[in-house]
C-alpha atoms as a PDB file:
ATOM      1  CA  MET A   1      94.006  79.282 125.602  1.00  0.00           C
ATOM      2  CA  PRO A   2      92.560  76.852 123.190  1.00  0.00           C
ATOM      3  CA  PHE A   3      94.937  75.015 121.199  1.00  0.00           C
ATOM      4  CA  ASP A   4      95.338  76.413 117.319  1.00  0.00           C
ATOM      5  CA  VAL A   5      95.923  73.929 114.670  1.00  0.00           C
ATOM      6  CA  ARG A   6      97.946  76.732 112.872  1.00  0.00           C
ATOM      7  CA  ASP A   7     100.609  76.740 115.571  1.00  0.00           C
ATOM      8  CA  PHE A   8     101.748  73.848 113.821  1.00  0.00           C
ATOM      9  CA  ALA A   9     101.187  75.021 110.146  1.00  0.00           C
ATOM     10  CA  GLY A  10     104.954  75.439 109.405  1.00  0.00           C
ATOM     11  CA  ALA A  11     106.430  72.236 111.124  1.00  0.00           C
ATOM     12  CA  PRO A  12     107.626  69.128 109.251  1.00  0.00           C
ATOM     13  CA  PRO A  13     105.048  66.672 108.242  1.00  0.00           C
ATOM     14  CA  GLU A  14     106.599  64.095 111.081  1.00  0.00           C
ATOM     15  CA  GLU A  15     106.533  66.415 113.705  1.00  0.00           C
ATOM     16  CA  ARG A  16     102.882  67.525 112.948  1.00  0.00           C
ATOM     17  CA  ALA A  17     101.542  63.528 113.259  1.00  0.00           C
ATOM     18  CA  ALA A  18     103.825  63.387 116.239  1.00  0.00           C
ATOM     19  CA  SER A  19     101.888  66.126 117.903  1.00  0.00           C
ATOM     20  CA  ARG A  20      98.447  65.057 116.863  1.00  0.00           C
ATOM     21  CA  ARG A  21      99.434  61.468 118.396  1.00  0.00           C
ATOM     22  CA  ASN A  22     100.179  63.079 121.564  1.00  0.00           C
ATOM     23  CA  ARG A  23      97.161  65.332 121.968  1.00  0.00           C
ATOM     24  CA  ARG A  24      95.101  62.605 121.541  1.00  0.00           C
ATOM     25  CA  LEU A  25      96.734  60.039 123.975  1.00  0.00           C
ATOM     26  CA  VAL A  26      96.519  63.167 126.594  1.00  0.00           C
ATOM     27  CA  ALA A  27      93.346  63.986 125.899  1.00  0.00           C
ATOM     28  CA  ALA A  28      92.268  60.199 126.154  1.00  0.00           C
ATOM     29  CA  TRP A  29      93.878  59.957 129.786  1.00  0.00           C
ATOM     30  CA  LEU A  30      92.285  63.259 130.449  1.00  0.00           C
ATOM     31  CA  LEU A  31      88.655  62.052 129.319  1.00  0.00           C
ATOM     32  CA  THR A  32      89.289  58.862 131.555  1.00  0.00           C
ATOM     33  CA  VAL A  33      89.884  61.036 134.464  1.00  0.00           C
ATOM     34  CA  ALA A  34      86.817  62.857 133.885  1.00  0.00           C
ATOM     35  CA  GLY A  35      84.757  59.944 133.445  1.00  0.00           C
ATOM     36  CA  MET A  36      86.114  58.453 136.831  1.00  0.00           C
ATOM     37  CA  ILE A  37      84.910  61.710 138.326  1.00  0.00           C
ATOM     38  CA  LEU A  38      81.656  61.603 136.873  1.00  0.00           C
ATOM     39  CA  VAL A  39      81.324  57.813 138.672  1.00  0.00           C
ATOM     40  CA  MET A  40      82.865  59.529 141.923  1.00  0.00           C
ATOM     41  CA  ILE A  41      79.842  61.687 142.104  1.00  0.00           C
ATOM     42  CA  ALA A  42      77.761  59.005 141.443  1.00  0.00           C
ATOM     43  CA  LEU A  43      79.058  57.103 144.211  1.00  0.00           C
ATOM     44  CA  GLY A  44      78.905  60.619 146.745  1.00  0.00           C
ATOM     45  CA  GLY A  45      75.426  60.813 146.239  1.00  0.00           C
ATOM     46  CA  ALA A  46      74.352  57.506 146.858  1.00  0.00           C
ATOM     47  CA  THR A  47      76.822  57.873 149.887  1.00  0.00           C
ATOM     48  CA  ARG A  48      75.033  60.441 150.858  1.00  0.00           C
ATOM     49  CA  LEU A  49      71.644  58.938 150.343  1.00  0.00           C
ATOM     50  CA  THR A  50      72.324  55.581 152.384  1.00  0.00           C
ATOM     51  CA  GLY A  51      73.602  57.556 155.136  1.00  0.00           C
ATOM     52  CA  SER A  52      77.046  56.146 154.881  1.00  0.00           C
ATOM     53  CA  GLY A  53      78.996  58.848 154.880  1.00  0.00           C
ATOM     54  CA  LEU A  54      79.954  58.855 158.532  1.00  0.00           C
ATOM     55  CA  SER A  55      80.801  55.487 158.743  1.00  0.00           C
ATOM     56  CA  ILE A  56      84.124  55.692 158.697  1.00  0.00           C
ATOM     57  CA  MET A  57      85.579  58.191 161.344  1.00  0.00           C
ATOM     58  CA  GLU A  58      88.827  58.137 160.193  1.00  0.00           C
ATOM     59  CA  TRP A  59      90.934  59.967 157.750  1.00  0.00           C
ATOM     60  CA  ALA A  60      93.756  57.638 156.825  1.00  0.00           C
ATOM     61  CA  PRO A  61      94.920  58.327 153.246  1.00  0.00           C
ATOM     62  CA  LEU A  62      97.367  55.545 152.828  1.00  0.00           C
ATOM     63  CA  SER A  63      96.491  52.791 155.703  1.00  0.00           C
ATOM     64  CA  GLY A  64      92.785  53.468 154.813  1.00  0.00           C
ATOM     65  CA  THR A  65      93.185  51.875 151.343  1.00  0.00           C
ATOM     66  CA  LEU A  66      93.115  48.676 152.776  1.00  0.00           C
ATOM     67  CA  PRO A  67      89.499  47.387 154.655  1.00  0.00           C
ATOM     68  CA  PRO A  68      89.289  46.126 157.941  1.00  0.00           C
ATOM     69  CA  MET A  69      91.214  42.940 157.800  1.00  0.00           C
ATOM     70  CA  SER A  70      90.309  41.183 160.882  1.00  0.00           C
ATOM     71  CA  GLU A  71      87.137  40.752 163.163  1.00  0.00           C
ATOM     72  CA  ALA A  72      88.945  42.853 165.880  1.00  0.00           C
ATOM     73  CA  GLU A  73      89.559  45.708 163.376  1.00  0.00           C
ATOM     74  CA  TRP A  74      86.081  45.646 162.359  1.00  0.00           C
ATOM     75  CA  HIS A  75      84.580  45.745 165.944  1.00  0.00           C
ATOM     76  CA  ARG A  76      86.814  48.568 166.677  1.00  0.00           C
ATOM     77  CA  LEU A  77      85.633  50.846 163.646  1.00  0.00           C
ATOM     78  CA  PHE A  78      82.216  49.562 164.631  1.00  0.00           C
ATOM     79  CA  ALA A  79      82.922  51.233 168.326  1.00  0.00           C
ATOM     80  CA  LEU A  80      83.919  54.422 167.003  1.00  0.00           C
ATOM     81  CA  TYR A  81      80.742  54.652 164.684  1.00  0.00           C
ATOM     82  CA  GLN A  82      78.790  53.625 168.063  1.00  0.00           C
ATOM     83  CA  GLN A  83      80.297  57.020 169.396  1.00  0.00           C
ATOM     84  CA  ILE A  84      78.122  59.532 166.710  1.00  0.00           C
ATOM     85  CA  PRO A  85      74.747  61.068 166.910  1.00  0.00           C
ATOM     86  CA  GLN A  86      73.859  59.298 163.634  1.00  0.00           C
ATOM     87  CA  TYR A  87      74.123  55.929 165.596  1.00  0.00           C
ATOM     88  CA  GLN A  88      72.582  56.899 168.422  1.00  0.00           C
ATOM     89  CA  LEU A  89      69.678  58.744 167.105  1.00  0.00           C
ATOM     90  CA  ILE A  90      69.300  56.889 163.936  1.00  0.00           C
ATOM     91  CA  ASN A  91      70.963  53.476 163.205  1.00  0.00           C
ATOM     92  CA  ARG A  92      70.978  52.171 167.107  1.00  0.00           C
ATOM     93  CA  GLY A  93      70.981  48.137 167.368  1.00  0.00           C
ATOM     94  CA  PHE A  94      71.369  47.576 163.939  1.00  0.00           C
ATOM     95  CA  GLY A  95      74.582  45.550 164.805  1.00  0.00           C
ATOM     96  CA  LEU A  96      77.887  44.956 162.745  1.00  0.00           C
ATOM     97  CA  ASP A  97      76.130  43.638 159.815  1.00  0.00           C
ATOM     98  CA  GLY A  98      74.500  46.822 159.244  1.00  0.00           C
ATOM     99  CA  PHE A  99      77.531  48.958 159.871  1.00  0.00           C
ATOM    100  CA  LYS A 100      79.044  47.075 157.349  1.00  0.00           C
ATOM    101  CA  HIS A 101      76.474  47.660 155.048  1.00  0.00           C
ATOM    102  CA  ILE A 102      77.095  51.329 155.170  1.00  0.00           C
ATOM    103  CA  PHE A 103      80.997  50.882 155.909  1.00  0.00           C
ATOM    104  CA  TRP A 104      81.542  49.367 152.277  1.00  0.00           C
ATOM    105  CA  LEU A 105      79.810  52.162 150.297  1.00  0.00           C
ATOM    106  CA  GLU A 106      81.636  54.683 151.949  1.00  0.00           C
ATOM    107  CA  TRP A 107      84.945  52.819 151.489  1.00  0.00           C
ATOM    108  CA  THR A 108      84.840  52.436 148.035  1.00  0.00           C
ATOM    109  CA  HIS A 109      83.667  55.915 147.608  1.00  0.00           C
ATOM    110  CA  ARG A 110      87.178  56.852 149.382  1.00  0.00           C
ATOM    111  CA  LEU A 111      88.912  54.095 147.517  1.00  0.00           C
ATOM    112  CA  TRP A 112      87.618  55.536 144.031  1.00  0.00           C
ATOM    113  CA  GLY A 113      89.002  58.985 144.882  1.00  0.00           C
ATOM    114  CA  ARG A 114      92.433  57.717 145.664  1.00  0.00           C
ATOM    115  CA  LEU A 115      92.432  55.770 141.731  1.00  0.00           C
ATOM    116  CA  ILE A 116      91.355  59.190 140.507  1.00  0.00           C
ATOM    117  CA  GLY A 117      94.625  60.365 142.087  1.00  0.00           C
ATOM    118  CA  VAL A 118      96.825  57.483 141.280  1.00  0.00           C
ATOM    119  CA  VAL A 119      95.304  57.406 137.462  1.00  0.00           C
ATOM    120  CA  PHE A 120      95.681  61.398 137.490  1.00  0.00           C
ATOM    121  CA  LEU A 121      99.409  61.272 138.899  1.00  0.00           C
ATOM    122  CA  LEU A 122     101.143  58.597 136.857  1.00  0.00           C
ATOM    123  CA  PRO A 123     100.321  59.314 133.331  1.00  0.00           C
ATOM    124  CA  LEU A 124     100.817  63.081 134.532  1.00  0.00           C
ATOM    125  CA  ALA A 125     104.471  62.326 135.615  1.00  0.00           C
ATOM    126  CA  VAL A 126     105.164  59.922 132.386  1.00  0.00           C
ATOM    127  CA  PHE A 127     103.606  62.455 129.886  1.00  0.00           C
ATOM    128  CA  TRP A 128     105.600  65.486 131.216  1.00  0.00           C
ATOM    129  CA  ALA A 129     109.018  63.727 131.531  1.00  0.00           C
ATOM    130  CA  THR A 130     108.665  62.545 127.690  1.00  0.00           C
ATOM    131  CA  GLY A 131     107.312  65.741 126.350  1.00  0.00           C
ATOM    132  CA  ARG A 132     103.889  64.573 125.796  1.00  0.00           C
ATOM    133  CA  ILE A 133     102.345  67.649 127.262  1.00  0.00           C
ATOM    134  CA  GLU A 134     102.314  70.873 125.776  1.00  0.00           C
ATOM    135  CA  ARG A 135     104.319  73.075 127.646  1.00  0.00           C
ATOM    136  CA  ARG A 136     100.881  75.839 128.316  1.00  0.00           C
ATOM    137  CA  LEU A 137      99.475  72.949 129.864  1.00  0.00           C
ATOM    138  CA  ARG A 138     101.596  72.300 132.427  1.00  0.00           C
ATOM    139  CA  PRO A 139     100.612  74.662 134.890  1.00  0.00           C
ATOM    140  CA  ARG A 140      96.939  74.129 134.430  1.00  0.00           C
ATOM    141  CA  LEU A 141      97.337  70.368 135.163  1.00  0.00           C
ATOM    142  CA  ALA A 142      99.875  70.531 138.067  1.00  0.00           C
ATOM    143  CA  LEU A 143      96.684  73.007 139.658  1.00  0.00           C
ATOM    144  CA  LEU A 144      94.262  70.484 138.917  1.00  0.00           C
ATOM    145  CA  PHE A 145      96.286  67.933 140.850  1.00  0.00           C
ATOM    146  CA  LEU A 146      96.264  69.938 143.718  1.00  0.00           C
ATOM    147  CA  LEU A 147      92.608  70.862 143.315  1.00  0.00           C
ATOM    148  CA  GLY A 148      92.140  67.051 143.338  1.00  0.00           C
ATOM    149  CA  GLY A 149      94.123  66.790 146.672  1.00  0.00           C
ATOM    150  CA  LEU A 150      92.311  69.680 148.002  1.00  0.00           C
ATOM    151  CA  GLN A 151      88.932  67.713 147.345  1.00  0.00           C
ATOM    152  CA  GLY A 152      90.193  64.876 149.717  1.00  0.00           C
ATOM    153  CA  ALA A 153      90.547  67.359 152.471  1.00  0.00           C
ATOM    154  CA  VAL A 154      87.464  69.308 151.459  1.00  0.00           C
ATOM    155  CA  GLY A 155      85.897  65.495 151.787  1.00  0.00           C
ATOM    156  CA  TRP A 156      86.844  64.637 155.151  1.00  0.00           C
ATOM    157  CA  PHE A 157      85.937  68.202 156.050  1.00  0.00           C
ATOM    158  CA  MET A 158      82.593  67.501 155.398  1.00  0.00           C
ATOM    159  CA  VAL A 159      82.347  64.265 157.214  1.00  0.00           C
ATOM    160  CA  ALA A 160      83.677  65.553 159.880  1.00  0.00           C
ATOM    161  CA  SER A 161      80.893  67.950 160.437  1.00  0.00           C
ATOM    162  CA  GLY A 162      78.765  64.547 160.918  1.00  0.00           C
ATOM    163  CA  PHE A 163      80.498  64.074 164.246  1.00  0.00           C
ATOM    164  CA  PHE A 164      79.070  66.914 166.408  1.00  0.00           C
ATOM    165  CA  ALA A 165      77.265  66.266 169.474  1.00  0.00           C
ATOM    166  CA  ASP A 166      73.552  67.861 167.659  1.00  0.00           C
ATOM    167  CA  SER A 167      74.511  66.205 164.165  1.00  0.00           C
ATOM    168  CA  THR A 168      72.963  63.071 162.532  1.00  0.00           C
ATOM    169  CA  ALA A 169      74.369  64.095 159.196  1.00  0.00           C
ATOM    170  CA  VAL A 170      77.010  66.056 157.482  1.00  0.00           C
ATOM    171  CA  SER A 171      76.859  70.151 157.296  1.00  0.00           C
ATOM    172  CA  ALA A 172      74.870  71.292 154.169  1.00  0.00           C
ATOM    173  CA  TYR A 173      77.233  74.140 153.311  1.00  0.00           C
ATOM    174  CA  ARG A 174      80.318  71.711 153.163  1.00  0.00           C
ATOM    175  CA  LEU A 175      78.555  69.298 151.602  1.00  0.00           C
ATOM    176  CA  VAL A 176      77.730  71.886 148.350  1.00  0.00           C
ATOM    177  CA  VAL A 177      81.651  73.085 148.722  1.00  0.00           C
ATOM    178  CA  HIS A 178      82.282  69.383 147.970  1.00  0.00           C
ATOM    179  CA  LEU A 179      80.237  68.992 145.419  1.00  0.00           C
ATOM    180  CA  VAL A 180      80.909  72.309 143.911  1.00  0.00           C
ATOM    181  CA  LEU A 181      84.601  71.265 143.830  1.00  0.00           C
ATOM    182  CA  ALA A 182      84.067  68.419 142.244  1.00  0.00           C
ATOM    183  CA  LEU A 183      81.926  69.621 139.605  1.00  0.00           C
ATOM    184  CA  VAL A 184      84.921  72.481 139.041  1.00  0.00           C
ATOM    185  CA  LEU A 185      87.504  69.570 138.518  1.00  0.00           C
ATOM    186  CA  TYR A 186      85.541  67.699 136.382  1.00  0.00           C
ATOM    187  CA  ALA A 187      84.392  70.852 134.162  1.00  0.00           C
ATOM    188  CA  ALA A 188      88.000  71.885 133.957  1.00  0.00           C
ATOM    189  CA  ILE A 189      89.770  68.513 132.711  1.00  0.00           C
ATOM    190  CA  LEU A 190      87.048  67.767 130.432  1.00  0.00           C
ATOM    191  CA  TRP A 191      87.298  71.133 128.647  1.00  0.00           C
ATOM    192  CA  THR A 192      91.099  70.372 128.575  1.00  0.00           C
ATOM    193  CA  GLY A 193      90.377  66.824 127.179  1.00  0.00           C
ATOM    194  CA  LEU A 194      87.901  68.415 124.417  1.00  0.00           C
ATOM    195  CA  GLY A 195      90.497  71.029 123.589  1.00  0.00           C
ATOM    196  CA  LEU A 196      93.126  68.693 122.495  1.00  0.00           C
ATOM    197  CA  LEU A 197      90.646  65.920 120.744  1.00  0.00           C
ATOM    198  CA  ALA A 198      88.953  68.686 118.879  1.00  0.00           C
ATOM    199  CA  PRO A 199      91.359  71.885 118.250  1.00  0.00           C
ATOM    200  CA  ALA A 200      89.577  74.993 117.367  1.00  0.00           C
ATOM    201  CA  ARG A 201      89.866  75.623 114.043  1.00  0.00           C
ATOM    202  CA  ASP A 202      88.252  78.022 111.301  1.00  0.00           C
ATOM    203  CA  ALA A 203      84.463  77.528 111.073  1.00  0.00           C
ATOM    204  CA  PRO A 204      81.508  79.444 110.131  1.00  0.00           C
ATOM    205  CA  ILE A 205      80.754  81.768 113.207  1.00  0.00           C
ATOM    206  CA  PRO A 206      77.203  80.825 114.758  1.00  0.00           C
ATOM    207  CA  PRO A 207      75.054  83.526 115.453  1.00  0.00           C
ATOM    208  CA  ARG A 208      75.688  85.330 118.833  1.00  0.00           C
ATOM    209  CA  GLY A 209      72.252  84.895 120.182  1.00  0.00           C
ATOM    210  CA  LEU A 210      72.970  81.050 119.805  1.00  0.00           C
ATOM    211  CA  ARG A 211      76.335  81.455 122.066  1.00  0.00           C
ATOM    212  CA  LEU A 212      74.900  83.985 124.336  1.00  0.00           C
ATOM    213  CA  ALA A 213      71.724  81.377 124.978  1.00  0.00           C
ATOM    214  CA  VAL A 214      74.619  78.429 125.829  1.00  0.00           C
ATOM    215  CA  ARG A 215      76.689  80.363 128.071  1.00  0.00           C
ATOM    216  CA  LEU A 216      73.209  81.097 130.088  1.00  0.00           C
ATOM    217  CA  THR A 217      72.555  77.619 130.155  1.00  0.00           C
ATOM    218  CA  VAL A 218      75.841  76.291 131.262  1.00  0.00           C
ATOM    219  CA  ALA A 219      75.457  79.439 134.092  1.00  0.00           C
ATOM    220  CA  LEU A 220      71.895  77.661 135.316  1.00  0.00           C
ATOM    221  CA  VAL A 221      72.866  74.299 134.992  1.00  0.00           C
ATOM    222  CA  ALA A 222      75.584  74.708 137.144  1.00  0.00           C
ATOM    223  CA  LEU A 223      73.431  77.422 139.461  1.00  0.00           C
ATOM    224  CA  THR A 224      70.573  74.646 139.903  1.00  0.00           C
ATOM    225  CA  ILE A 225      73.495  71.552 140.650  1.00  0.00           C
ATOM    226  CA  VAL A 226      74.112  74.079 143.445  1.00  0.00           C
ATOM    227  CA  ALA A 227      70.357  74.457 144.496  1.00  0.00           C
ATOM    228  CA  GLY A 228      70.125  70.674 144.005  1.00  0.00           C
ATOM    229  CA  GLY A 229      72.938  69.871 146.593  1.00  0.00           C
ATOM    230  CA  PHE A 230      70.944  72.640 149.490  1.00  0.00           C
ATOM    231  CA  VAL A 231      68.015  70.603 148.716  1.00  0.00           C
ATOM    232  CA  ALA A 232      70.070  67.324 149.634  1.00  0.00           C
ATOM    233  CA  GLY A 233      71.570  68.632 152.406  1.00  0.00           C
ATOM    234  CA  ILE A 234      69.074  70.055 154.652  1.00  0.00           C
ATOM    235  CA  HIS A 235      66.566  67.001 152.944  1.00  0.00           C
ATOM    236  CA  ALA A 236      64.223  69.333 151.213  1.00  0.00           C
ATOM    237  CA  GLY A 237      63.067  66.956 148.805  1.00  0.00           C
ATOM    238  CA  LEU A 238      61.724  64.567 151.418  1.00  0.00           C
ATOM    239  CA  SER A 239      58.727  67.705 151.881  1.00  0.00           C
ATOM    240  CA  TYR A 240      56.161  69.183 149.200  1.00  0.00           C
ATOM    241  CA  ASN A 241      56.022  66.074 147.464  1.00  0.00           C
ATOM    242  CA  THR A 242      53.628  67.113 144.629  1.00  0.00           C
ATOM    243  CA  PHE A 243      54.478  69.093 141.474  1.00  0.00           C
ATOM    244  CA  PRO A 244      53.986  71.045 140.018  1.00  0.00           C
ATOM    245  CA  LEU A 245      52.461  73.259 143.150  1.00  0.00           C
ATOM    246  CA  MET A 246      53.639  73.172 146.579  1.00  0.00           C
ATOM    247  CA  ASP A 247      50.996  72.321 149.205  1.00  0.00           C
ATOM    248  CA  GLY A 248      48.477  73.153 146.738  1.00  0.00           C
ATOM    249  CA  LYS A 249      50.182  76.647 146.010  1.00  0.00           C
ATOM    250  CA  LEU A 250      52.584  77.534 143.257  1.00  0.00           C
ATOM    251  CA  ILE A 251      54.666  79.687 146.159  1.00  0.00           C
ATOM    252  CA  PRO A 252      54.757  77.775 149.415  1.00  0.00           C
ATOM    253  CA  ASP A 253      53.784  79.516 152.531  1.00  0.00           C
ATOM    254  CA  GLY A 254      56.637  80.099 154.806  1.00  0.00           C
ATOM    255  CA  TYR A 255      58.770  80.851 151.911  1.00  0.00           C
ATOM    256  CA  ALA A 256      60.528  83.659 153.648  1.00  0.00           C
ATOM    257  CA  ASP A 257      59.939  82.805 157.579  1.00  0.00           C
ATOM    258  CA  VAL A 258      63.880  82.193 158.293  1.00  0.00           C
ATOM    259  CA  HIS A 259      65.413  85.621 159.258  1.00  0.00           C
ATOM    260  CA  PRO A 260      67.620  86.860 157.998  1.00  0.00           C
ATOM    261  CA  LEU A 261      66.421  86.586 155.271  1.00  0.00           C
ATOM    262  CA  LEU A 262      69.293  85.164 153.020  1.00  0.00           C
ATOM    263  CA  ARG A 263      69.432  82.236 155.108  1.00  0.00           C
ATOM    264  CA  ASN A 264      66.078  81.095 153.683  1.00  0.00           C
ATOM    265  CA  LEU A 265      67.794  80.651 150.344  1.00  0.00           C
ATOM    266  CA  THR A 266      70.025  77.380 152.222  1.00  0.00           C
ATOM    267  CA  GLU A 267      68.234  76.666 155.636  1.00  0.00           C
ATOM    268  CA  ASN A 268      64.513  76.672 154.428  1.00  0.00           C
ATOM    269  CA  ILE A 269      63.004  73.533 153.067  1.00  0.00           C
ATOM    270  CA  ALA A 270      60.279  75.596 151.601  1.00  0.00           C
ATOM    271  CA  THR A 271      62.491  77.964 150.084  1.00  0.00           C
ATOM    272  CA  VAL A 272      65.420  75.683 148.853  1.00  0.00           C
ATOM    273  CA  GLN A 273      62.881  73.357 147.161  1.00  0.00           C
ATOM    274  CA  PHE A 274      60.800  76.095 145.394  1.00  0.00           C
ATOM    275  CA  ASP A 275      64.263  77.690 144.091  1.00  0.00           C
ATOM    276  CA  HIS A 276      65.520  74.570 143.026  1.00  0.00           C
ATOM    277  CA  ARG A 277      62.241  73.963 140.946  1.00  0.00           C
ATOM    278  CA  LEU A 278      62.367  77.288 139.747  1.00  0.00           C
ATOM    279  CA  LEU A 279      65.752  77.319 138.623  1.00  0.00           C
ATOM    280  CA  ALA A 280      65.480  73.702 136.776  1.00  0.00           C
ATOM    281  CA  THR A 281      62.350  75.254 134.856  1.00  0.00           C
ATOM    282  CA  LEU A 282      64.077  78.100 133.745  1.00  0.00           C
ATOM    283  CA  THR A 283      67.133  75.698 132.869  1.00  0.00           C
ATOM    284  CA  ALA A 284      64.707  73.706 130.924  1.00  0.00           C
ATOM    285  CA  VAL A 285      63.653  77.345 129.127  1.00  0.00           C
ATOM    286  CA  ALA A 286      67.106  78.171 128.406  1.00  0.00           C
ATOM    287  CA  ILE A 287      67.890  74.735 126.778  1.00  0.00           C
ATOM    288  CA  LEU A 288      64.446  75.264 124.733  1.00  0.00           C
ATOM    289  CA  LEU A 289      65.321  78.764 123.674  1.00  0.00           C
ATOM    290  CA  THR A 290      69.282  77.081 122.472  1.00  0.00           C
ATOM    291  CA  LEU A 291      67.472  74.582 120.545  1.00  0.00           C
ATOM    292  CA  ALA A 292      65.156  77.436 118.860  1.00  0.00           C
ATOM    293  CA  ALA A 293      68.328  79.457 117.946  1.00  0.00           C
ATOM    294  CA  GLY A 294      70.531  76.323 117.013  1.00  0.00           C
ATOM    295  CA  LEU A 295      68.756  74.117 115.295  1.00  0.00           C
ATOM    296  CA  GLY A 296      67.268  77.237 112.295  1.00  0.00           C
ATOM    297  CA  ALA A 297      70.596  78.672 112.575  1.00  0.00           C
ATOM    298  CA  PRO A 298      72.390  78.303 108.920  1.00  0.00           C
ATOM    299  CA  ASN A 299      76.060  78.344 110.445  1.00  0.00           C
ATOM    300  CA  ALA A 300      75.049  75.780 113.008  1.00  0.00           C
ATOM    301  CA  ALA A 301      74.412  72.443 111.377  1.00  0.00           C
ATOM    302  CA  ARG A 302      77.569  70.766 112.683  1.00  0.00           C
ATOM    303  CA  LEU A 303      76.315  71.488 115.770  1.00  0.00           C
ATOM    304  CA  ARG A 304      73.089  69.745 115.324  1.00  0.00           C
ATOM    305  CA  PRO A 305      74.237  66.231 117.268  1.00  0.00           C
ATOM    306  CA  ARG A 306      75.437  68.671 120.763  1.00  0.00           C
ATOM    307  CA  LEU A 307      72.485  70.336 120.301  1.00  0.00           C
ATOM    308  CA  LEU A 308      69.909  67.187 120.338  1.00  0.00           C
ATOM    309  CA  ALA A 309      72.022  65.704 123.062  1.00  0.00           C
ATOM    310  CA  LEU A 310      71.670  68.540 125.130  1.00  0.00           C
ATOM    311  CA  GLY A 311      67.754  68.728 124.562  1.00  0.00           C
ATOM    312  CA  LEU A 312      67.604  64.891 125.288  1.00  0.00           C
ATOM    313  CA  THR A 313      69.290  65.092 128.741  1.00  0.00           C
ATOM    314  CA  MET A 314      67.353  68.049 129.504  1.00  0.00           C
ATOM    315  CA  ALA A 315      64.020  65.897 129.070  1.00  0.00           C
ATOM    316  CA  VAL A 316      65.286  63.039 130.855  1.00  0.00           C
ATOM    317  CA  GLN A 317      66.586  65.232 133.608  1.00  0.00           C
ATOM    318  CA  TYR A 318      63.501  66.920 134.387  1.00  0.00           C
ATOM    319  CA  ALA A 319      61.441  64.230 133.877  1.00  0.00           C
ATOM    320  CA  LEU A 320      64.013  62.308 136.862  1.00  0.00           C
ATOM    321  CA  GLY A 321      63.020  65.034 139.024  1.00  0.00           C
ATOM    322  CA  VAL A 322      59.567  65.215 139.399  1.00  0.00           C
ATOM    323  CA  ALA A 323      59.657  61.097 139.709  1.00  0.00           C
ATOM    324  CA  THR A 324      62.303  61.504 142.095  1.00  0.00           C
ATOM    325  CA  LEU A 325      60.497  64.124 143.956  1.00  0.00           C
ATOM    326  CA  LEU A 326      56.746  62.438 143.826  1.00  0.00           C
ATOM    327  CA  ALA A 327      58.102  59.272 145.062  1.00  0.00           C
ATOM    328  CA  VAL A 328      59.643  61.077 148.217  1.00  0.00           C
ATOM    329  CA  VAL A 329      63.208  60.503 146.872  1.00  0.00           C
ATOM    330  CA  PRO A 330      64.192  57.170 146.719  1.00  0.00           C
ATOM    331  CA  ALA A 331      67.896  56.177 146.730  1.00  0.00           C
ATOM    332  CA  ASP A 332      68.110  54.686 142.842  1.00  0.00           C
ATOM    333  CA  LEU A 333      65.924  57.741 141.646  1.00  0.00           C
ATOM    334  CA  ALA A 334      68.121  60.390 143.313  1.00  0.00           C
ATOM    335  CA  THR A 335      71.285  59.009 142.437  1.00  0.00           C
ATOM    336  CA  ALA A 336      70.055  58.702 138.979  1.00  0.00           C
ATOM    337  CA  HIS A 337      68.736  61.938 139.208  1.00  0.00           C
ATOM    338  CA  GLN A 338      72.323  63.598 140.206  1.00  0.00           C
ATOM    339  CA  ILE A 339      74.277  61.356 137.657  1.00  0.00           C
ATOM    340  CA  CYS A 340      71.902  62.757 134.765  1.00  0.00           C
ATOM    341  CA  ALA A 341      72.662  66.436 135.946  1.00  0.00           C
ATOM    342  CA  THR A 342      75.936  65.771 135.514  1.00  0.00           C
ATOM    343  CA  LEU A 343      75.588  64.598 132.099  1.00  0.00           C
ATOM    344  CA  LEU A 344      73.324  67.846 131.680  1.00  0.00           C
ATOM    345  CA  LEU A 345      76.215  69.904 132.527  1.00  0.00           C
ATOM    346  CA  THR A 346      78.541  67.823 130.282  1.00  0.00           C
ATOM    347  CA  ALA A 347      76.370  68.259 127.302  1.00  0.00           C
ATOM    348  CA  ALA A 348      75.957  71.765 127.869  1.00  0.00           C
ATOM    349  CA  LEU A 349      80.002  72.205 128.082  1.00  0.00           C
ATOM    350  CA  VAL A 350      80.574  69.929 125.013  1.00  0.00           C
ATOM    351  CA  LEU A 351      77.892  72.276 122.656  1.00  0.00           C
ATOM    352  CA  LEU A 352      79.725  75.221 124.154  1.00  0.00           C
ATOM    353  CA  HIS A 353      83.299  74.232 123.455  1.00  0.00           C
ATOM    354  CA  GLY A 354      81.781  73.479 119.760  1.00  0.00           C
ATOM    355  CA  LEU A 355      81.328  77.384 119.782  1.00  0.00           C
ATOM    356  CA  ARG A 356      84.937  78.323 120.195  1.00  0.00           C
ATOM    357  CA  GLN A 357      86.798  80.261 117.852  1.00  0.00           C
ATOM    358  CA  PRO A 358      90.911  80.158 117.061  1.00  0.00           C
ATOM    359  CA  ARG A 359      91.993  83.548 118.684  1.00  0.00           C
ATOM    360  CA  ALA A 360      94.071  85.961 116.676  1.00  0.00           C
ATOM    361  CA  ARG A 361      97.442  85.119 116.470  1.00  0.00           C
END
């Protein structure tokens, strides 16, 4: 339920001022956490692209906070890593220095996740105890903290799939679950923070078509990111490195070769890459329609900066996607592509948030 400025219309001026200060403080905290999750998503992408995610074979939520403090500990962890297929089939012989290189990125990824938990929990406890968090938000914030803890467990569940005898990477399905949960947490915290920072207010009602277009855009952006997760999970970006055609055809050969048919959507390289391209193009079209509906609407002038930000982010993201494909998925471009995908989702959510109307009291 969005906050309504009319809730405090009858309160004394000092109470209203204190309430506004509390909302700004809590909003700043939540948006900081959202920013940290954005960095976490970028670190996760870099970890996957460099094959670093399997370098730490222990889940130690407390003791794992510190890195190896002795040469003996380094050798112990390296010996564990040498037992899994990724080392034996891909990285055999790269030595302790090579192991340290991939270890530090995964350790940073996990450390950052722990820091997010601390930055969320400590202010939550303080704001809760001092009454700065409105009662209606408390169950939601408590649930988000629990989901954050679940995300850590899902992360380990994903990593553990790379220890199987025939695996050199994590399961694509578990990777996508991990990504989706991260995006759900990010979107929920961002939306809550925006609701406190920019309460619903009486404003001219934008055209119905604009609201529908923005909702469609949000759904398509989210679906395209999920499809991109499967592209990453099965390394589909390493094939069909031409654009716009795939191996000289609009729809590649072998699109539906896997049986049963539904498995093509998640396991067939040709299908997964084509679907990601198609969804990205549909998203771009939806955003162009949103811009056309919004920029020409008489009651939507206040939304113009958000509309332009959405359009610009879409153009950059589409260009990054094509460049990443043509360059055969270099780590820097692919990481930038993943970051920009989250920024595109952010721009769509911020625009959708600006279309809210106060609920009837």
